[in-house]
Amino acid sequence: MEEKRTQNSEQVNAKKIFDFISDIKSEFKKISWTSREELIVYTKVVVGATFVFGFGVYLMDVFFQNFLAGLNIALRVITG
């Protein structure tokens, strides 16, 4: 009797897993996927924007480093 319950619960679990996977497949069919050309364009935009933003951060960093170094020199000259 116990073996029968175990077998039934295994079958129920297998059916739940199968139903879950088939639900996932049906949901993936509903998705409106981006075309390959659009994906390439969007990727280029993101990579380009990342480089531009990174270069902007780099320039601000260099500016602040030089500003603080100049301020340090000026304070040393003033305070002796």
PDB file of N, CA and C in Angstrom:
ATOM      1  N   MET A   1       0.825  -1.190   0.000  1.00  0.00           N
ATOM      2  CA  MET A   1       0.000   0.000   0.000  1.00  0.00           C
ATOM      3  C   MET A   1       0.873   1.259   0.000  1.00  0.00           C
ATOM      4  N   GLU A   2       1.899   1.228   0.824  1.00  0.00           N
ATOM      5  CA  GLU A   2       2.814   2.374   0.917  1.00  0.00           C
ATOM      6  C   GLU A   2       3.537   2.588  -0.410  1.00  0.00           C
ATOM      7  N   GLU A   3       3.888   1.487  -1.060  1.00  0.00           N
ATOM      8  CA  GLU A   3       4.578   1.580  -2.344  1.00  0.00           C
ATOM      9  C   GLU A   3       3.678   2.232  -3.393  1.00  0.00           C
ATOM     10  N   LYS A   4       2.388   1.938  -3.340  1.00  0.00           N
ATOM     11  CA  LYS A   4       1.436   2.502  -4.282  1.00  0.00           C
ATOM     12  C   LYS A   4       1.323   4.013  -4.092  1.00  0.00           C
ATOM     13  N   ARG A   5       1.307   4.481  -2.842  1.00  0.00           N
ATOM     14  CA  ARG A   5       1.230   5.919  -2.556  1.00  0.00           C
ATOM     15  C   ARG A   5       2.474   6.637  -3.069  1.00  0.00           C
ATOM     16  N   THR A   6       3.620   6.021  -2.857  1.00  0.00           N
ATOM     17  CA  THR A   6       4.869   6.621  -3.317  1.00  0.00           C
ATOM     18  C   THR A   6       4.872   6.721  -4.834  1.00  0.00           C
ATOM     19  N   GLN A   7       4.398   5.670  -5.480  1.00  0.00           N
ATOM     20  CA  GLN A   7       4.358   5.654  -6.935  1.00  0.00           C
ATOM     21  C   GLN A   7       3.392   6.727  -7.449  1.00  0.00           C
ATOM     22  N   ASN A   8       2.233   6.861  -6.800  1.00  0.00           N
ATOM     23  CA  ASN A   8       1.262   7.873  -7.214  1.00  0.00           C
ATOM     24  C   ASN A   8       1.816   9.280  -7.011  1.00  0.00           C
ATOM     25  N   SER A   9       2.489   9.511  -5.890  1.00  0.00           N
ATOM     26  CA  SER A   9       3.035  10.847  -5.640  1.00  0.00           C
ATOM     27  C   SER A   9       4.153  11.172  -6.630  1.00  0.00           C
ATOM     28  N   GLU A  10       4.927  10.169  -7.018  1.00  0.00           N
ATOM     29  CA  GLU A  10       5.967  10.391  -8.025  1.00  0.00           C
ATOM     30  C   GLU A  10       5.347  10.735  -9.374  1.00  0.00           C
ATOM     31  N   GLN A  11       4.244  10.057  -9.711  1.00  0.00           N
ATOM     32  CA  GLN A  11       3.562  10.349 -10.967  1.00  0.00           C
ATOM     33  C   GLN A  11       2.967  11.755 -10.945  1.00  0.00           C
ATOM     34  N   VAL A  12       2.410  12.146  -9.803  1.00  0.00           N
ATOM     35  CA  VAL A  12       1.836  13.483  -9.671  1.00  0.00           C
ATOM     36  C   VAL A  12       2.938  14.533  -9.805  1.00  0.00           C
ATOM     37  N   ASN A  13       4.080  14.298  -9.158  1.00  0.00           N
ATOM     38  CA  ASN A  13       5.197  15.238  -9.256  1.00  0.00           C
ATOM     39  C   ASN A  13       5.707  15.337 -10.690  1.00  0.00           C
ATOM     40  N   ALA A  14       5.808  14.202 -11.370  1.00  0.00           N
ATOM     41  CA  ALA A  14       6.272  14.205 -12.756  1.00  0.00           C
ATOM     42  C   ALA A  14       5.282  14.963 -13.640  1.00  0.00           C
ATOM     43  N   LYS A  15       3.992  14.782 -13.397  1.00  0.00           N
ATOM     44  CA  LYS A  15       2.974  15.492 -14.175  1.00  0.00           C
ATOM     45  C   LYS A  15       3.047  16.989 -13.910  1.00  0.00           C
ATOM     46  N   LYS A  16       3.267  17.388 -12.659  1.00  0.00           N
ATOM     47  CA  LYS A  16       3.385  18.812 -12.332  1.00  0.00           C
ATOM     48  C   LYS A  16       4.587  19.431 -13.038  1.00  0.00           C
ATOM     49  N   ILE A  17       5.687  18.715 -13.047  1.00  0.00           N
ATOM     50  CA  ILE A  17       6.890  19.220 -13.718  1.00  0.00           C
ATOM     51  C   ILE A  17       6.637  19.343 -15.219  1.00  0.00           C
ATOM     52  N   PHE A  18       6.012  18.325 -15.808  1.00  0.00           N
ATOM     53  CA  PHE A  18       5.713  18.359 -17.242  1.00  0.00           C
ATOM     54  C   PHE A  18       4.771  19.513 -17.569  1.00  0.00           C
ATOM     55  N   ASP A  19       3.737  19.707 -16.752  1.00  0.00           N
ATOM     56  CA  ASP A  19       2.800  20.815 -16.968  1.00  0.00           C
ATOM     57  C   ASP A  19       3.505  22.162 -16.850  1.00  0.00           C
ATOM     58  N   PHE A  20       4.394  22.276 -15.880  1.00  0.00           N
ATOM     59  CA  PHE A  20       5.136  23.522 -15.681  1.00  0.00           C
ATOM     60  C   PHE A  20       5.986  23.842 -16.905  1.00  0.00           C
ATOM     61  N   ILE A  21       6.688  22.843 -17.418  1.00  0.00           N
ATOM     62  CA  ILE A  21       7.544  23.054 -18.588  1.00  0.00           C
ATOM     63  C   ILE A  21       6.706  23.395 -19.817  1.00  0.00           C
ATOM     64  N   SER A  22       5.575  22.732 -19.995  1.00  0.00           N
ATOM     65  CA  SER A  22       4.732  23.050 -21.153  1.00  0.00           C
ATOM     66  C   SER A  22       4.125  24.444 -21.018  1.00  0.00           C
ATOM     67  N   ASP A  23       3.829  24.889 -19.783  1.00  0.00           N
ATOM     68  CA  ASP A  23       3.355  26.262 -19.574  1.00  0.00           C
ATOM     69  C   ASP A  23       4.441  27.271 -19.929  1.00  0.00           C
ATOM     70  N   ILE A  24       5.667  26.958 -19.574  1.00  0.00           N
ATOM     71  CA  ILE A  24       6.784  27.847 -19.914  1.00  0.00           C
ATOM     72  C   ILE A  24       6.918  27.954 -21.431  1.00  0.00           C
ATOM     73  N   LYS A  25       6.829  26.824 -22.119  1.00  0.00           N
ATOM     74  CA  LYS A  25       6.940  26.841 -23.581  1.00  0.00           C
ATOM     75  C   LYS A  25       5.838  27.686 -24.201  1.00  0.00           C
ATOM     76  N   SER A  26       4.615  27.549 -23.701  1.00  0.00           N
ATOM     77  CA  SER A  26       3.513  28.332 -24.275  1.00  0.00           C
ATOM     78  C   SER A  26       3.687  29.822 -23.991  1.00  0.00           C
ATOM     79  N   GLU A  27       4.231  30.179 -22.837  1.00  0.00           N
ATOM     80  CA  GLU A  27       4.482  31.593 -22.533  1.00  0.00           C
ATOM     81  C   GLU A  27       5.581  32.159 -23.419  1.00  0.00           C
ATOM     82  N   PHE A  28       6.596  31.371 -23.702  1.00  0.00           N
ATOM     83  CA  PHE A  28       7.672  31.830 -24.581  1.00  0.00           C
ATOM     84  C   PHE A  28       7.156  32.077 -26.000  1.00  0.00           C
ATOM     85  N   LYS A  29       6.156  31.328 -26.429  1.00  0.00           N
ATOM     86  CA  LYS A  29       5.591  31.540 -27.760  1.00  0.00           C
ATOM     87  C   LYS A  29       4.822  32.857 -27.832  1.00  0.00           C
ATOM     88  N   LYS A  30       4.336  33.357 -26.699  1.00  0.00           N
ATOM     89  CA  LYS A  30       3.575  34.606 -26.666  1.00  0.00           C
ATOM     90  C   LYS A  30       4.473  35.837 -26.699  1.00  0.00           C
ATOM     91  N   ILE A  31       5.748  35.667 -26.424  1.00  0.00           N
ATOM     92  CA  ILE A  31       6.666  36.802 -26.335  1.00  0.00           C
ATOM     93  C   ILE A  31       6.913  37.382 -27.718  1.00  0.00           C
ATOM     94  N   SER A  32       6.907  38.706 -27.791  1.00  0.00           N
ATOM     95  CA  SER A  32       7.250  39.396 -29.033  1.00  0.00           C
ATOM     96  C   SER A  32       8.748  39.670 -28.996  1.00  0.00           C
ATOM     97  N   TRP A  33       9.526  38.830 -29.655  1.00  0.00           N
ATOM     98  CA  TRP A  33      10.972  38.927 -29.597  1.00  0.00           C
ATOM     99  C   TRP A  33      11.468  40.043 -30.503  1.00  0.00           C
ATOM    100  N   THR A  34      12.551  40.668 -30.107  1.00  0.00           N
ATOM    101  CA  THR A  34      13.191  41.701 -30.908  1.00  0.00           C
ATOM    102  C   THR A  34      13.893  41.047 -32.093  1.00  0.00           C
ATOM    103  N   SER A  35      13.833  41.727 -33.249  1.00  0.00           N
ATOM    104  CA  SER A  35      14.508  41.162 -34.422  1.00  0.00           C
ATOM    105  C   SER A  35      16.020  41.262 -34.232  1.00  0.00           C
ATOM    106  N   ARG A  36      16.728  40.487 -35.012  1.00  0.00           N
ATOM    107  CA  ARG A  36      18.188  40.454 -34.903  1.00  0.00           C
ATOM    108  C   ARG A  36      18.791  41.823 -35.218  1.00  0.00           C
ATOM    109  N   GLU A  37      18.244  42.491 -36.237  1.00  0.00           N
ATOM    110  CA  GLU A  37      18.764  43.801 -36.627  1.00  0.00           C
ATOM    111  C   GLU A  37      18.559  44.823 -35.505  1.00  0.00           C
ATOM    112  N   GLU A  38      17.358  44.823 -34.909  1.00  0.00           N
ATOM    113  CA  GLU A  38      17.086  45.743 -33.797  1.00  0.00           C
ATOM    114  C   GLU A  38      18.005  45.457 -32.619  1.00  0.00           C
ATOM    115  N   LEU A  39      18.212  44.197 -32.355  1.00  0.00           N
ATOM    116  CA  LEU A  39      19.070  43.812 -31.238  1.00  0.00           C
ATOM    117  C   LEU A  39      20.496  44.301 -31.447  1.00  0.00           C
ATOM    118  N   ILE A  40      20.990  44.201 -32.664  1.00  0.00           N
ATOM    119  CA  ILE A  40      22.344  44.676 -32.972  1.00  0.00           C
ATOM    120  C   ILE A  40      22.423  46.188 -32.786  1.00  0.00           C
ATOM    121  N   VAL A  41      21.407  46.911 -33.275  1.00  0.00           N
ATOM    122  CA  VAL A  41      21.400  48.373 -33.132  1.00  0.00           C
ATOM    123  C   VAL A  41      21.349  48.760 -31.659  1.00  0.00           C
ATOM    124  N   TYR A  42      20.464  48.140 -30.893  1.00  0.00           N
ATOM    125  CA  TYR A  42      20.336  48.470 -29.470  1.00  0.00           C
ATOM    126  C   TYR A  42      21.618  48.153 -28.711  1.00  0.00           C
ATOM    127  N   THR A  43      22.267  47.060 -29.082  1.00  0.00           N
ATOM    128  CA  THR A  43      23.527  46.700 -28.427  1.00  0.00           C
ATOM    129  C   THR A  43      24.592  47.746 -28.707  1.00  0.00           C
ATOM    130  N   LYS A  44      24.663  48.205 -29.956  1.00  0.00           N
ATOM    131  CA  LYS A  44      25.631  49.252 -30.299  1.00  0.00           C
ATOM    132  C   LYS A  44      25.344  50.538 -29.529  1.00  0.00           C
ATOM    133  N   VAL A  45      24.075  50.884 -29.395  1.00  0.00           N
ATOM    134  CA  VAL A  45      23.706  52.096 -28.654  1.00  0.00           C
ATOM    135  C   VAL A  45      24.132  51.973 -27.197  1.00  0.00           C
ATOM    136  N   VAL A  46      23.866  50.835 -26.588  1.00  0.00           N
ATOM    137  CA  VAL A  46      24.220  50.640 -25.178  1.00  0.00           C
ATOM    138  C   VAL A  46      25.729  50.664 -24.985  1.00  0.00           C
ATOM    139  N   VAL A  47      26.465  49.968 -25.848  1.00  0.00           N
ATOM    140  CA  VAL A  47      27.928  49.950 -25.724  1.00  0.00           C
ATOM    141  C   VAL A  47      28.493  51.348 -25.945  1.00  0.00           C
ATOM    142  N   GLY A  48      27.989  52.055 -26.953  1.00  0.00           N
ATOM    143  CA  GLY A  48      28.451  53.415 -27.214  1.00  0.00           C
ATOM    144  C   GLY A  48      28.153  54.352 -26.059  1.00  0.00           C
ATOM    145  N   ALA A  49      26.934  54.282 -25.530  1.00  0.00           N
ATOM    146  CA  ALA A  49      26.565  55.135 -24.400  1.00  0.00           C
ATOM    147  C   ALA A  49      27.412  54.811 -23.176  1.00  0.00           C
ATOM    148  N   THR A  50      27.736  53.553 -22.980  1.00  0.00           N
ATOM    149  CA  THR A  50      28.578  53.157 -21.849  1.00  0.00           C
ATOM    150  C   THR A  50      29.970  53.755 -21.980  1.00  0.00           C
ATOM    151  N   PHE A  51      30.540  53.694 -23.179  1.00  0.00           N
ATOM    152  CA  PHE A  51      31.869  54.287 -23.387  1.00  0.00           C
ATOM    153  C   PHE A  51      31.842  55.798 -23.213  1.00  0.00           C
ATOM    154  N   VAL A  52      30.816  56.459 -23.740  1.00  0.00           N
ATOM    155  CA  VAL A  52      30.712  57.918 -23.600  1.00  0.00           C
ATOM    156  C   VAL A  52      30.578  58.292 -22.131  1.00  0.00           C
ATOM    157  N   PHE A  53      29.722  57.603 -21.406  1.00  0.00           N
ATOM    158  CA  PHE A  53      29.544  57.880 -19.986  1.00  0.00           C
ATOM    159  C   PHE A  53      30.840  57.614 -19.225  1.00  0.00           C
ATOM    160  N   GLY A  54      31.493  56.508 -19.516  1.00  0.00           N
ATOM    161  CA  GLY A  54      32.759  56.181 -18.854  1.00  0.00           C
ATOM    162  C   GLY A  54      33.828  57.208 -19.142  1.00  0.00           C
ATOM    163  N   PHE A  55      33.898  57.684 -20.388  1.00  0.00           N
ATOM    164  CA  PHE A  55      34.880  58.706 -20.742  1.00  0.00           C
ATOM    165  C   PHE A  55      34.571  60.011 -20.012  1.00  0.00           C
ATOM    166  N   GLY A  56      33.290  60.337 -19.871  1.00  0.00           N
ATOM    167  CA  GLY A  56      32.896  61.530 -19.118  1.00  0.00           C
ATOM    168  C   GLY A  56      33.312  61.433 -17.660  1.00  0.00           C
ATOM    169  N   VAL A  57      33.116  60.286 -17.064  1.00  0.00           N
ATOM    170  CA  VAL A  57      33.535  60.079 -15.673  1.00  0.00           C
ATOM    171  C   VAL A  57      35.050  60.188 -15.562  1.00  0.00           C
ATOM    172  N   TYR A  58      35.770  59.624 -16.532  1.00  0.00           N
ATOM    173  CA  TYR A  58      37.231  59.710 -16.540  1.00  0.00           C
ATOM    174  C   TYR A  58      37.685  61.166 -16.608  1.00  0.00           C
ATOM    175  N   LEU A  59      37.081  61.954 -17.495  1.00  0.00           N
ATOM    176  CA  LEU A  59      37.462  63.363 -17.622  1.00  0.00           C
ATOM    177  C   LEU A  59      37.189  64.136 -16.332  1.00  0.00           C
ATOM    178  N   MET A  60      36.052  63.867 -15.696  1.00  0.00           N
ATOM    179  CA  MET A  60      35.758  64.536 -14.421  1.00  0.00           C
ATOM    180  C   MET A  60      36.769  64.126 -13.360  1.00  0.00           C
ATOM    181  N   ASP A  61      37.162  62.870 -13.353  1.00  0.00           N
ATOM    182  CA  ASP A  61      38.148  62.388 -12.388  1.00  0.00           C
ATOM    183  C   ASP A  61      39.488  63.091 -12.590  1.00  0.00           C
ATOM    184  N   VAL A  62      39.927  63.188 -13.832  1.00  0.00           N
ATOM    185  CA  VAL A  62      41.192  63.868 -14.130  1.00  0.00           C
ATOM    186  C   VAL A  62      41.102  65.336 -13.727  1.00  0.00           C
ATOM    187  N   PHE A  63      39.977  65.975 -14.040  1.00  0.00           N
ATOM    188  CA  PHE A  63      39.799  67.380 -13.670  1.00  0.00           C
ATOM    189  C   PHE A  63      39.901  67.562 -12.163  1.00  0.00           C
ATOM    190  N   PHE A  64      39.184  66.750 -11.389  1.00  0.00           N
ATOM    191  CA  PHE A  64      39.207  66.897  -9.933  1.00  0.00           C
ATOM    192  C   PHE A  64      40.574  66.558  -9.348  1.00  0.00           C
ATOM    193  N   GLN A  65      41.265  65.575  -9.920  1.00  0.00           N
ATOM    194  CA  GLN A  65      42.621  65.266  -9.448  1.00  0.00           C
ATOM    195  C   GLN A  65      43.540  66.463  -9.647  1.00  0.00           C
ATOM    196  N   ASN A  66      43.500  67.045 -10.828  1.00  0.00           N
ATOM    197  CA  ASN A  66      44.353  68.201 -11.107  1.00  0.00           C
ATOM    198  C   ASN A  66      43.946  69.411 -10.271  1.00  0.00           C
ATOM    199  N   PHE A  67      42.658  69.614 -10.097  1.00  0.00           N
ATOM    200  CA  PHE A  67      42.181  70.723  -9.279  1.00  0.00           C
ATOM    201  C   PHE A  67      42.661  70.579  -7.840  1.00  0.00           C
ATOM    202  N   LEU A  68      42.517  69.379  -7.284  1.00  0.00           N
ATOM    203  CA  LEU A  68      42.945  69.164  -5.896  1.00  0.00           C
ATOM    204  C   LEU A  68      44.462  69.240  -5.765  1.00  0.00           C
ATOM    205  N   ALA A  69      45.194  68.756  -6.768  1.00  0.00           N
ATOM    206  CA  ALA A  69      46.657  68.867  -6.731  1.00  0.00           C
ATOM    207  C   ALA A  69      47.066  70.334  -6.785  1.00  0.00           C
ATOM    208  N   GLY A  70      46.422  71.119  -7.639  1.00  0.00           N
ATOM    209  CA  GLY A  70      46.707  72.554  -7.708  1.00  0.00           C
ATOM    210  C   GLY A  70      46.341  73.261  -6.427  1.00  0.00           C
ATOM    211  N   LEU A  71      45.223  72.890  -5.834  1.00  0.00           N
ATOM    212  CA  LEU A  71      44.806  73.471  -4.556  1.00  0.00           C
ATOM    213  C   LEU A  71      45.809  73.129  -3.466  1.00  0.00           C
ATOM    214  N   ASN A  72      46.320  71.910  -3.480  1.00  0.00           N
ATOM    215  CA  ASN A  72      47.319  71.482  -2.501  1.00  0.00           C
ATOM    216  C   ASN A  72      48.592  72.314  -2.646  1.00  0.00           C
ATOM    217  N   ILE A  73      49.026  72.512  -3.877  1.00  0.00           N
ATOM    218  CA  ILE A  73      50.231  73.322  -4.117  1.00  0.00           C
ATOM    219  C   ILE A  73      49.993  74.758  -3.668  1.00  0.00           C
ATOM    220  N   ALA A  74      48.828  75.313  -4.001  1.00  0.00           N
ATOM    221  CA  ALA A  74      48.521  76.693  -3.614  1.00  0.00           C
ATOM    222  C   ALA A  74      48.491  76.839  -2.101  1.00  0.00           C
ATOM    223  N   LEU A  75      47.916  75.875  -1.401  1.00  0.00           N
ATOM    224  CA  LEU A  75      47.865  75.948   0.063  1.00  0.00           C
ATOM    225  C   LEU A  75      49.257  75.826   0.673  1.00  0.00           C
ATOM    226  N   ARG A  76      50.110  75.006   0.079  1.00  0.00           N
ATOM    227  CA  ARG A  76      51.487  74.890   0.588  1.00  0.00           C
ATOM    228  C   ARG A  76      52.261  76.190   0.387  1.00  0.00           C
ATOM    229  N   VAL A  77      52.021  76.850  -0.743  1.00  0.00           N
ATOM    230  CA  VAL A  77      52.698  78.121  -1.009  1.00  0.00           C
ATOM    231  C   VAL A  77      52.198  79.183  -0.031  1.00  0.00           C
ATOM    232  N   ILE A  78      50.893  79.199   0.214  1.00  0.00           N
ATOM    233  CA  ILE A  78      50.309  80.209   1.099  1.00  0.00           C
ATOM    234  C   ILE A  78      50.730  79.975   2.546  1.00  0.00           C
ATOM    235  N   THR A  79      50.635  78.723   3.002  1.00  0.00           N
ATOM    236  CA  THR A  79      50.917  78.429   4.412  1.00  0.00           C
ATOM    237  C   THR A  79      52.396  78.206   4.668  1.00  0.00           C
ATOM    238  N   GLY A  80      53.154  78.030   3.646  1.00  0.00           N
ATOM    239  CA  GLY A  80      54.600  77.895   3.831  1.00  0.00           C
ATOM    240  C   GLY A  80      54.973  76.503   4.050  1.00  0.00           C
TER     241      GLY A  80
END
